[in-house]
C-alpha atoms as a PDB file:
ATOM      1  CA  MET A   1     -39.083 -35.699   6.118  1.00  0.00           C
ATOM      2  CA  LYS A   2     -39.614 -38.940   4.351  1.00  0.00           C
ATOM      3  CA  ASN A   3     -41.713 -41.947   5.214  1.00  0.00           C
ATOM      4  CA  PRO A   4     -40.190 -45.296   5.739  1.00  0.00           C
ATOM      5  CA  PRO A   5     -40.698 -47.436   2.448  1.00  0.00           C
ATOM      6  CA  THR A   6     -44.246 -50.079   2.771  1.00  0.00           C
ATOM      7  CA  ASP A   7     -43.632 -53.749   3.248  1.00  0.00           C
ATOM      8  CA  GLU A   8     -45.162 -53.657  -0.185  1.00  0.00           C
ATOM      9  CA  ASP A   9     -42.422 -51.419  -1.539  1.00  0.00           C
ATOM     10  CA  LEU A  10     -39.501 -53.362  -0.136  1.00  0.00           C
ATOM     11  CA  MET A  11     -40.950 -56.583  -1.609  1.00  0.00           C
ATOM     12  CA  ASP A  12     -40.769 -54.903  -5.083  1.00  0.00           C
ATOM     13  CA  ALA A  13     -37.178 -54.097  -4.836  1.00  0.00           C
ATOM     14  CA  VAL A  14     -36.697 -57.559  -3.097  1.00  0.00           C
ATOM     15  CA  ARG A  15     -38.385 -58.820  -6.529  1.00  0.00           C
ATOM     16  CA  ASP A  16     -35.942 -56.504  -8.381  1.00  0.00           C
ATOM     17  CA  GLY A  17     -32.941 -58.159  -6.831  1.00  0.00           C
ATOM     18  CA  SER A  18     -32.490 -55.847  -3.688  1.00  0.00           C
ATOM     19  CA  GLU A  19     -30.753 -57.723  -0.842  1.00  0.00           C
ATOM     20  CA  ASP A  20     -31.033 -54.665   1.328  1.00  0.00           C
ATOM     21  CA  ALA A  21     -34.790 -54.236   1.023  1.00  0.00           C
ATOM     22  CA  TYR A  22     -34.931 -58.175   1.790  1.00  0.00           C
ATOM     23  CA  GLY A  23     -32.935 -57.595   4.887  1.00  0.00           C
ATOM     24  CA  THR A  24     -35.085 -54.702   6.355  1.00  0.00           C
ATOM     25  CA  LEU A  25     -38.274 -57.138   5.535  1.00  0.00           C
ATOM     26  CA  PHE A  26     -36.201 -59.641   7.475  1.00  0.00           C
ATOM     27  CA  GLU A  27     -35.778 -57.489  10.304  1.00  0.00           C
ATOM     28  CA  ARG A  28     -39.024 -55.920  10.730  1.00  0.00           C
ATOM     29  CA  TYR A  29     -40.764 -58.991  10.756  1.00  0.00           C
ATOM     30  CA  ARG A  30     -38.248 -61.013  12.990  1.00  0.00           C
ATOM     31  CA  ALA A  31     -40.042 -60.579  16.352  1.00  0.00           C
ATOM     32  CA  PRO A  32     -43.915 -61.070  14.924  1.00  0.00           C
ATOM     33  CA  LEU A  33     -43.549 -63.875  13.185  1.00  0.00           C
ATOM     34  CA  TYR A  34     -41.175 -65.795  15.504  1.00  0.00           C
ATOM     35  CA  GLY A  35     -43.722 -65.076  17.907  1.00  0.00           C
ATOM     36  CA  PHE A  36     -46.590 -66.280  15.764  1.00  0.00           C
ATOM     37  CA  ALA A  37     -44.393 -69.504  15.280  1.00  0.00           C
ATOM     38  CA  LEU A  38     -43.749 -69.894  18.380  1.00  0.00           C
ATOM     39  CA  ARG A  39     -47.545 -69.761  19.657  1.00  0.00           C
ATOM     40  CA  MET A  40     -48.225 -71.969  16.516  1.00  0.00           C
ATOM     41  CA  THR A  41     -45.610 -74.745  17.186  1.00  0.00           C
ATOM     42  CA  ARG A  42     -44.987 -74.376  21.192  1.00  0.00           C
ATOM     43  CA  GLN A  43     -41.513 -75.356  20.612  1.00  0.00           C
ATOM     44  CA  GLY A  44     -38.470 -72.644  20.377  1.00  0.00           C
ATOM     45  CA  GLU A  45     -36.067 -74.421  17.960  1.00  0.00           C
ATOM     46  CA  THR A  46     -39.262 -75.155  15.582  1.00  0.00           C
ATOM     47  CA  ALA A  47     -40.320 -71.714  15.823  1.00  0.00           C
ATOM     48  CA  ASP A  48     -36.856 -70.458  14.661  1.00  0.00           C
ATOM     49  CA  ASP A  49     -36.459 -73.472  11.888  1.00  0.00           C
ATOM     50  CA  VAL A  50     -40.105 -71.956  10.594  1.00  0.00           C
ATOM     51  CA  PHE A  51     -39.137 -68.388  10.670  1.00  0.00           C
ATOM     52  CA  GLN A  52     -35.713 -69.318   8.722  1.00  0.00           C
ATOM     53  CA  GLU A  53     -37.831 -71.473   6.053  1.00  0.00           C
ATOM     54  CA  THR A  54     -40.520 -68.748   5.891  1.00  0.00           C
ATOM     55  CA  PHE A  55     -37.855 -66.467   4.785  1.00  0.00           C
ATOM     56  CA  LEU A  56     -36.386 -68.595   2.560  1.00  0.00           C
ATOM     57  CA  ARG A  57     -39.482 -69.154   0.837  1.00  0.00           C
ATOM     58  CA  VAL A  58     -40.350 -65.652   0.209  1.00  0.00           C
ATOM     59  CA  HIS A  59     -36.671 -65.281  -1.047  1.00  0.00           C
ATOM     60  CA  ARG A  60     -37.466 -68.289  -3.592  1.00  0.00           C
ATOM     61  CA  ALA A  61     -40.902 -66.926  -4.285  1.00  0.00           C
ATOM     62  CA  ARG A  62     -39.801 -62.958  -5.183  1.00  0.00           C
ATOM     63  CA  SER A  63     -40.552 -63.217  -8.303  1.00  0.00           C
ATOM     64  CA  THR A  64     -44.217 -64.543  -7.872  1.00  0.00           C
ATOM     65  CA  TRP A  65     -44.620 -61.465  -5.534  1.00  0.00           C
ATOM     66  CA  SER A  66     -47.850 -59.149  -6.911  1.00  0.00           C
ATOM     67  CA  HIS A  67     -49.727 -56.587  -5.149  1.00  0.00           C
ATOM     68  CA  HIS A  68     -52.935 -58.125  -6.503  1.00  0.00           C
ATOM     69  CA  ASP A  69     -52.683 -61.085  -4.002  1.00  0.00           C
ATOM     70  CA  GLY A  70     -52.944 -58.597  -1.089  1.00  0.00           C
ATOM     71  CA  THR A  71     -50.626 -57.129   1.574  1.00  0.00           C
ATOM     72  CA  PHE A  72     -47.083 -58.352   1.737  1.00  0.00           C
ATOM     73  CA  ARG A  73     -48.240 -59.282   5.734  1.00  0.00           C
ATOM     74  CA  SER A  74     -50.882 -61.894   4.673  1.00  0.00           C
ATOM     75  CA  TRP A  75     -48.909 -63.314   1.737  1.00  0.00           C
ATOM     76  CA  LEU A  76     -46.118 -63.670   4.411  1.00  0.00           C
ATOM     77  CA  TYR A  77     -48.478 -65.156   7.203  1.00  0.00           C
ATOM     78  CA  ARG A  78     -50.108 -67.455   4.321  1.00  0.00           C
ATOM     79  CA  ILE A  79     -46.424 -68.814   3.825  1.00  0.00           C
ATOM     80  CA  ALA A  80     -45.663 -69.182   7.392  1.00  0.00           C
ATOM     81  CA  VAL A  81     -49.058 -71.396   8.124  1.00  0.00           C
ATOM     82  CA  ASN A  82     -48.282 -73.385   4.912  1.00  0.00           C
ATOM     83  CA  THR A  83     -44.460 -73.739   6.420  1.00  0.00           C
ATOM     84  CA  ILE A  84     -45.933 -75.206   9.722  1.00  0.00           C
ATOM     85  CA  ARG A  85     -48.579 -77.034   8.243  1.00  0.00           C
ATOM     86  CA  ASP A  86     -45.865 -79.076   5.824  1.00  0.00           C
ATOM     87  CA  ARG A  87     -43.575 -79.359   8.921  1.00  0.00           C
ATOM     88  CA  ALA A  88     -46.514 -81.000  11.036  1.00  0.00           C
ATOM     89  CA  ARG A  89     -47.463 -83.520   7.986  1.00  0.00           C
ATOM     90  CA  ALA A  90     -43.397 -84.254   7.915  1.00  0.00           C
ATOM     91  CA  ALA A  91     -43.492 -84.978  11.412  1.00  0.00           C
ATOM     92  CA  ALA A  92     -46.693 -87.303  11.235  1.00  0.00           C
ATOM     93  CA  ARG A  93     -44.815 -89.493   8.795  1.00  0.00           C
ATOM     94  CA  ARG A  94     -41.698 -89.545  10.728  1.00  0.00           C
ATOM     95  CA  PRO A  95     -42.490 -89.039  14.589  1.00  0.00           C
ATOM     96  CA  GLU A  96     -38.737 -88.819  15.537  1.00  0.00           C
ATOM     97  CA  LEU A  97     -38.705 -85.156  14.092  1.00  0.00           C
ATOM     98  CA  LEU A  98     -41.087 -83.997  17.177  1.00  0.00           C
ATOM     99  CA  GLY A  99     -38.994 -82.397  20.190  1.00  0.00           C
ATOM    100  CA  ASP A 100     -40.089 -82.424  23.251  1.00  0.00           C
ATOM    101  CA  GLU A 101     -38.724 -78.881  23.863  1.00  0.00           C
ATOM    102  CA  TRP A 102     -41.154 -76.219  25.225  1.00  0.00           C
ATOM    103  CA  GLU A 103     -40.776 -72.481  26.640  1.00  0.00           C
ATOM    104  CA  PRO A 104     -43.204 -69.905  27.153  1.00  0.00           C
ATOM    105  CA  ALA A 105     -42.593 -66.822  25.750  1.00  0.00           C
ATOM    106  CA  HIS A 106     -43.045 -64.627  28.665  1.00  0.00           C
ATOM    107  CA  ARG A 107     -42.107 -65.704  32.125  1.00  0.00           C
ATOM    108  CA  SER A 108     -44.096 -63.133  34.452  1.00  0.00           C
ATOM    109  CA  ALA A 109     -46.881 -65.180  34.989  1.00  0.00           C
ATOM    110  CA  PRO A 110     -45.762 -68.767  34.396  1.00  0.00           C
ATOM    111  CA  ASP A 111     -49.233 -70.364  35.354  1.00  0.00           C
ATOM    112  CA  ASP A 112     -51.276 -68.332  33.698  1.00  0.00           C
ATOM    113  CA  ARG A 113     -49.044 -68.497  30.449  1.00  0.00           C
ATOM    114  CA  ILE A 114     -49.128 -72.009  30.438  1.00  0.00           C
ATOM    115  CA  ALA A 115     -52.655 -72.349  31.068  1.00  0.00           C
ATOM    116  CA  LEU A 116     -53.383 -69.935  28.021  1.00  0.00           C
ATOM    117  CA  GLU A 117     -50.440 -72.225  25.945  1.00  0.00           C
ATOM    118  CA  ARG A 118     -52.628 -75.379  26.707  1.00  0.00           C
ATOM    119  CA  ALA A 119     -55.869 -73.701  25.953  1.00  0.00           C
ATOM    120  CA  LEU A 120     -54.250 -72.649  22.804  1.00  0.00           C
ATOM    121  CA  ALA A 121     -53.253 -76.076  21.836  1.00  0.00           C
ATOM    122  CA  ALA A 122     -56.966 -77.341  22.848  1.00  0.00           C
ATOM    123  CA  LEU A 123     -58.463 -75.109  20.260  1.00  0.00           C
ATOM    124  CA  PRO A 124     -59.073 -77.026  16.916  1.00  0.00           C
ATOM    125  CA  GLU A 125     -56.623 -75.918  14.361  1.00  0.00           C
ATOM    126  CA  ASN A 126     -58.930 -73.761  12.102  1.00  0.00           C
ATOM    127  CA  LEU A 127     -59.878 -71.828  15.073  1.00  0.00           C
ATOM    128  CA  ARG A 128     -56.593 -71.612  16.743  1.00  0.00           C
ATOM    129  CA  ASP A 129     -54.783 -70.436  13.087  1.00  0.00           C
ATOM    130  CA  ALA A 130     -57.695 -67.844  12.598  1.00  0.00           C
ATOM    131  CA  PHE A 131     -57.338 -66.375  16.527  1.00  0.00           C
ATOM    132  CA  LEU A 132     -53.722 -66.268  16.453  1.00  0.00           C
ATOM    133  CA  LEU A 133     -53.560 -64.337  13.149  1.00  0.00           C
ATOM    134  CA  GLY A 134     -56.120 -61.551  13.728  1.00  0.00           C
ATOM    135  CA  ALA A 135     -56.071 -61.290  17.694  1.00  0.00           C
ATOM    136  CA  VAL A 136     -52.434 -61.729  18.127  1.00  0.00           C
ATOM    137  CA  VAL A 137     -50.664 -61.136  14.860  1.00  0.00           C
ATOM    138  CA  GLY A 138     -53.220 -58.505  14.365  1.00  0.00           C
ATOM    139  CA  LEU A 139     -54.310 -59.273  10.710  1.00  0.00           C
ATOM    140  CA  ASP A 140     -57.443 -57.680   9.736  1.00  0.00           C
ATOM    141  CA  HIS A 141     -60.205 -60.129   8.264  1.00  0.00           C
ATOM    142  CA  ASN A 142     -59.580 -59.875   5.048  1.00  0.00           C
ATOM    143  CA  GLU A 143     -55.958 -60.499   5.873  1.00  0.00           C
ATOM    144  CA  VAL A 144     -57.161 -63.740   7.812  1.00  0.00           C
ATOM    145  CA  ALA A 145     -59.153 -64.870   5.336  1.00  0.00           C
ATOM    146  CA  ALA A 146     -56.182 -64.431   2.531  1.00  0.00           C
ATOM    147  CA  VAL A 147     -53.989 -66.354   4.770  1.00  0.00           C
ATOM    148  CA  LEU A 148     -56.294 -69.055   5.281  1.00  0.00           C
ATOM    149  CA  GLY A 149     -58.167 -69.380   2.083  1.00  0.00           C
ATOM    150  CA  VAL A 150     -61.809 -68.549   3.512  1.00  0.00           C
ATOM    151  CA  THR A 151     -64.176 -65.782   2.782  1.00  0.00           C
ATOM    152  CA  PRO A 152     -63.968 -62.769   5.299  1.00  0.00           C
ATOM    153  CA  ASP A 153     -67.050 -63.603   6.798  1.00  0.00           C
ATOM    154  CA  ASN A 154     -65.882 -67.010   7.640  1.00  0.00           C
ATOM    155  CA  ALA A 155     -62.429 -65.757   9.197  1.00  0.00           C
ATOM    156  CA  ARG A 156     -64.550 -63.203  11.327  1.00  0.00           C
ATOM    157  CA  ALA A 157     -66.407 -66.118  12.380  1.00  0.00           C
ATOM    158  CA  ARG A 158     -63.560 -68.222  13.382  1.00  0.00           C
ATOM    159  CA  ILE A 159     -61.497 -65.458  15.220  1.00  0.00           C
ATOM    160  CA  SER A 160     -65.162 -64.990  17.461  1.00  0.00           C
ATOM    161  CA  ARG A 161     -65.337 -68.688  17.700  1.00  0.00           C
ATOM    162  CA  GLY A 162     -61.962 -69.053  19.002  1.00  0.00           C
ATOM    163  CA  ARG A 163     -61.826 -66.114  21.237  1.00  0.00           C
ATOM    164  CA  ALA A 164     -64.945 -67.757  23.043  1.00  0.00           C
ATOM    165  CA  ARG A 165     -63.520 -71.297  23.011  1.00  0.00           C
ATOM    166  CA  LEU A 166     -60.682 -69.961  24.519  1.00  0.00           C
ATOM    167  CA  ARG A 167     -62.358 -68.433  27.194  1.00  0.00           C
ATOM    168  CA  GLU A 168     -64.451 -71.264  27.997  1.00  0.00           C
ATOM    169  CA  LEU A 169     -61.285 -73.417  27.980  1.00  0.00           C
ATOM    170  CA  LEU A 170     -59.525 -71.048  30.341  1.00  0.00           C
ATOM    171  CA  GLU A 171     -62.171 -70.685  32.518  1.00  0.00           C
ATOM    172  CA  VAL A 172     -62.131 -74.611  33.310  1.00  0.00           C
ATOM    173  CA  SER A 173     -58.791 -74.230  34.066  1.00  0.00           C
END
Protein backbone atom coordinates (compact mmCIF):
# COMPACT_ATOMS: atom_id res chain seq x y z
CA MET A 1 0.00 0.00 0.00
CA LYS A 2 1.34 3.40 -0.96
CA ASN A 3 1.97 6.01 1.73
CA PRO A 4 0.18 9.34 1.35
CA PRO A 5 2.35 12.13 -0.07
CA THR A 6 4.29 14.24 2.40
CA ASP A 7 3.54 17.91 2.81
CA GLU A 8 6.80 18.66 1.05
CA ASP A 9 5.88 16.43 -1.91
CA LEU A 10 2.51 18.15 -2.14
CA MET A 11 4.10 21.59 -2.01
CA ASP A 12 6.53 20.57 -4.76
CA ALA A 13 3.47 19.63 -6.85
CA VAL A 14 1.81 22.97 -5.97
CA ARG A 15 4.96 24.77 -7.10
CA ASP A 16 4.65 22.85 -10.37
CA GLY A 17 1.01 23.93 -10.80
CA SER A 18 -1.09 21.20 -9.16
CA GLU A 19 -4.34 22.60 -7.78
CA ASP A 20 -5.24 19.14 -6.39
CA ALA A 21 -2.10 19.15 -4.25
CA TYR A 22 -2.96 22.67 -3.06
CA GLY A 23 -6.45 21.48 -2.11
CA THR A 24 -5.00 18.53 -0.20
CA LEU A 25 -2.68 20.81 1.81
CA PHE A 26 -5.57 23.21 2.43
CA GLU A 27 -7.73 20.40 3.84
CA ARG A 28 -4.85 18.83 5.77
CA TYR A 29 -4.14 22.09 7.61
CA ARG A 30 -7.69 23.46 7.84
CA ALA A 31 -8.29 22.53 11.50
CA PRO A 32 -4.79 22.90 12.98
CA LEU A 33 -4.00 26.22 11.31
CA TYR A 34 -7.43 27.67 12.06
CA GLY A 35 -7.07 26.54 15.70
CA PHE A 36 -3.66 28.19 15.92
CA ALA A 37 -5.01 31.43 14.41
CA LEU A 38 -7.96 31.37 16.82
CA ARG A 39 -5.67 30.98 19.81
CA MET A 40 -3.44 33.79 18.56
CA THR A 41 -6.20 36.26 17.66
CA ARG A 42 -8.99 35.12 20.02
CA GLN A 43 -11.50 36.15 17.36
CA GLY A 44 -13.31 33.63 15.19
CA GLU A 45 -13.80 35.88 12.19
CA THR A 46 -10.22 37.12 12.34
CA ALA A 47 -8.90 33.56 12.65
CA ASP A 48 -10.85 32.61 9.54
CA ASP A 49 -9.40 35.61 7.70
CA VAL A 50 -5.88 34.69 8.84
CA PHE A 51 -6.36 31.10 7.66
CA GLN A 52 -7.57 32.25 4.25
CA GLU A 53 -4.86 34.90 3.88
CA THR A 54 -2.16 32.42 4.91
CA PHE A 55 -3.18 30.00 2.18
CA LEU A 56 -3.41 32.82 -0.36
CA ARG A 57 0.14 33.77 0.56
CA VAL A 58 1.22 30.12 0.21
CA HIS A 59 -0.27 30.04 -3.28
CA ARG A 60 1.32 33.36 -4.24
CA ALA A 61 4.73 32.27 -2.90
CA ARG A 62 4.59 28.75 -4.36
CA SER A 63 7.42 29.48 -6.79
CA THR A 64 9.70 30.38 -3.87
CA TRP A 65 9.06 27.12 -1.97
CA SER A 66 12.20 25.15 -1.27
CA HIS A 67 13.02 22.17 0.96
CA HIS A 68 16.20 24.03 1.90
CA ASP A 69 14.17 26.42 4.01
CA GLY A 70 12.89 23.63 6.30
CA THR A 71 9.65 21.70 6.44
CA PHE A 72 6.44 22.82 4.79
CA ARG A 73 4.81 22.98 8.21
CA SER A 74 7.37 25.43 9.61
CA TRP A 75 7.13 27.51 6.41
CA LEU A 76 3.31 27.55 6.65
CA TYR A 77 3.28 28.61 10.30
CA ARG A 78 5.92 31.30 9.62
CA ILE A 79 3.56 32.70 6.99
CA ALA A 80 0.64 32.49 9.46
CA VAL A 81 2.59 34.30 12.22
CA ASN A 82 3.61 37.01 9.76
CA THR A 83 0.00 37.33 8.59
CA ILE A 84 -1.20 37.76 12.18
CA ARG A 85 1.49 40.36 12.87
CA ASP A 86 0.66 42.24 9.66
CA ARG A 87 -3.02 42.35 10.62
CA ALA A 88 -2.17 43.53 14.15
CA ARG A 89 -0.02 46.36 12.75
CA ALA A 90 -2.81 47.35 10.36
CA ALA A 91 -5.37 47.25 13.17
CA ALA A 92 -3.13 49.41 15.35
CA ARG A 93 -3.08 52.02 12.58
CA ARG A 94 -6.86 51.73 12.13
CA PRO A 95 -8.51 50.79 15.45
CA GLU A 96 -11.93 50.41 13.83
CA LEU A 97 -10.68 47.11 12.36
CA LEU A 98 -10.65 45.58 15.81
CA GLY A 99 -13.75 43.57 16.56
CA ASP A 100 -15.16 42.56 19.90
CA GLU A 101 -16.04 39.02 18.83
CA TRP A 102 -14.62 36.25 20.97
CA GLU A 103 -15.67 32.66 21.19
CA PRO A 104 -13.85 29.88 23.00
CA ALA A 105 -12.86 26.92 20.85
CA HIS A 106 -14.22 24.41 23.37
CA ARG A 107 -17.27 24.86 25.54
CA SER A 108 -16.85 21.86 27.86
CA ALA A 109 -15.34 23.85 30.73
CA PRO A 110 -16.07 27.51 29.96
CA ASP A 111 -14.53 28.97 33.11
CA ASP A 112 -11.30 27.02 32.63
CA ARG A 113 -11.24 27.85 28.95
CA ILE A 114 -11.75 31.56 29.59
CA ALA A 115 -9.03 31.54 32.28
CA LEU A 116 -6.65 29.83 29.86
CA GLU A 117 -7.44 32.28 27.06
CA ARG A 118 -6.90 35.23 29.42
CA ALA A 119 -3.61 33.77 30.65
CA LEU A 120 -2.45 33.23 27.06
CA ALA A 121 -3.35 36.83 26.23
CA ALA A 122 -1.34 38.02 29.24
CA LEU A 123 1.84 36.30 28.06
CA PRO A 124 4.39 38.47 26.26
CA GLU A 125 4.06 37.96 22.50
CA ASN A 126 7.43 36.22 22.10
CA LEU A 127 6.57 33.65 24.80
CA ARG A 128 2.97 33.19 23.59
CA ASP A 129 4.04 32.62 19.99
CA ALA A 130 6.70 30.08 20.96
CA PHE A 131 4.42 28.29 23.43
CA LEU A 132 1.53 27.99 20.97
CA LEU A 133 3.78 26.81 18.14
CA GLY A 134 5.63 24.28 20.30
CA ALA A 135 3.15 23.05 22.89
CA VAL A 136 -0.13 23.46 21.01
CA VAL A 137 0.70 23.12 17.30
CA GLY A 138 3.40 20.54 18.05
CA LEU A 139 6.32 22.00 16.13
CA ASP A 140 9.72 20.87 17.40
CA HIS A 141 12.29 23.39 18.66
CA ASN A 142 14.00 23.62 15.27
CA GLU A 143 10.69 24.33 13.52
CA VAL A 144 9.69 26.92 16.14
CA ALA A 145 13.10 28.53 15.67
CA ALA A 146 12.60 28.64 11.90
CA VAL A 147 9.12 30.17 12.22
CA LEU A 148 10.19 32.83 14.71
CA GLY A 149 13.64 33.51 13.27
CA VAL A 150 15.51 32.61 16.46
CA THR A 151 17.99 29.91 17.45
CA PRO A 152 16.69 26.48 18.53
CA ASP A 153 18.03 27.11 22.04
CA ASN A 154 16.15 30.41 22.18
CA ALA A 155 12.98 28.69 20.92
CA ARG A 156 13.33 25.98 23.59
CA ALA A 157 13.83 28.63 26.28
CA ARG A 158 10.83 30.67 25.11
CA ILE A 159 8.57 27.61 25.15
CA SER A 160 9.77 26.69 28.63
CA ARG A 161 9.41 30.24 29.98
CA GLY A 162 6.00 30.55 28.35
CA ARG A 163 4.84 27.29 29.94
CA ALA A 164 6.15 28.37 33.38
CA ARG A 165 4.59 31.83 33.13
CA LEU A 166 1.29 30.32 31.99
CA ARG A 167 1.27 28.04 35.05
CA GLU A 168 1.89 31.07 37.29
CA LEU A 169 -0.93 33.02 35.65
CA LEU A 170 -3.35 30.11 35.95
CA GLU A 171 -2.51 29.56 39.64
CA VAL A 172 -3.36 33.20 40.39
CA SER A 173 -6.72 33.17 38.58
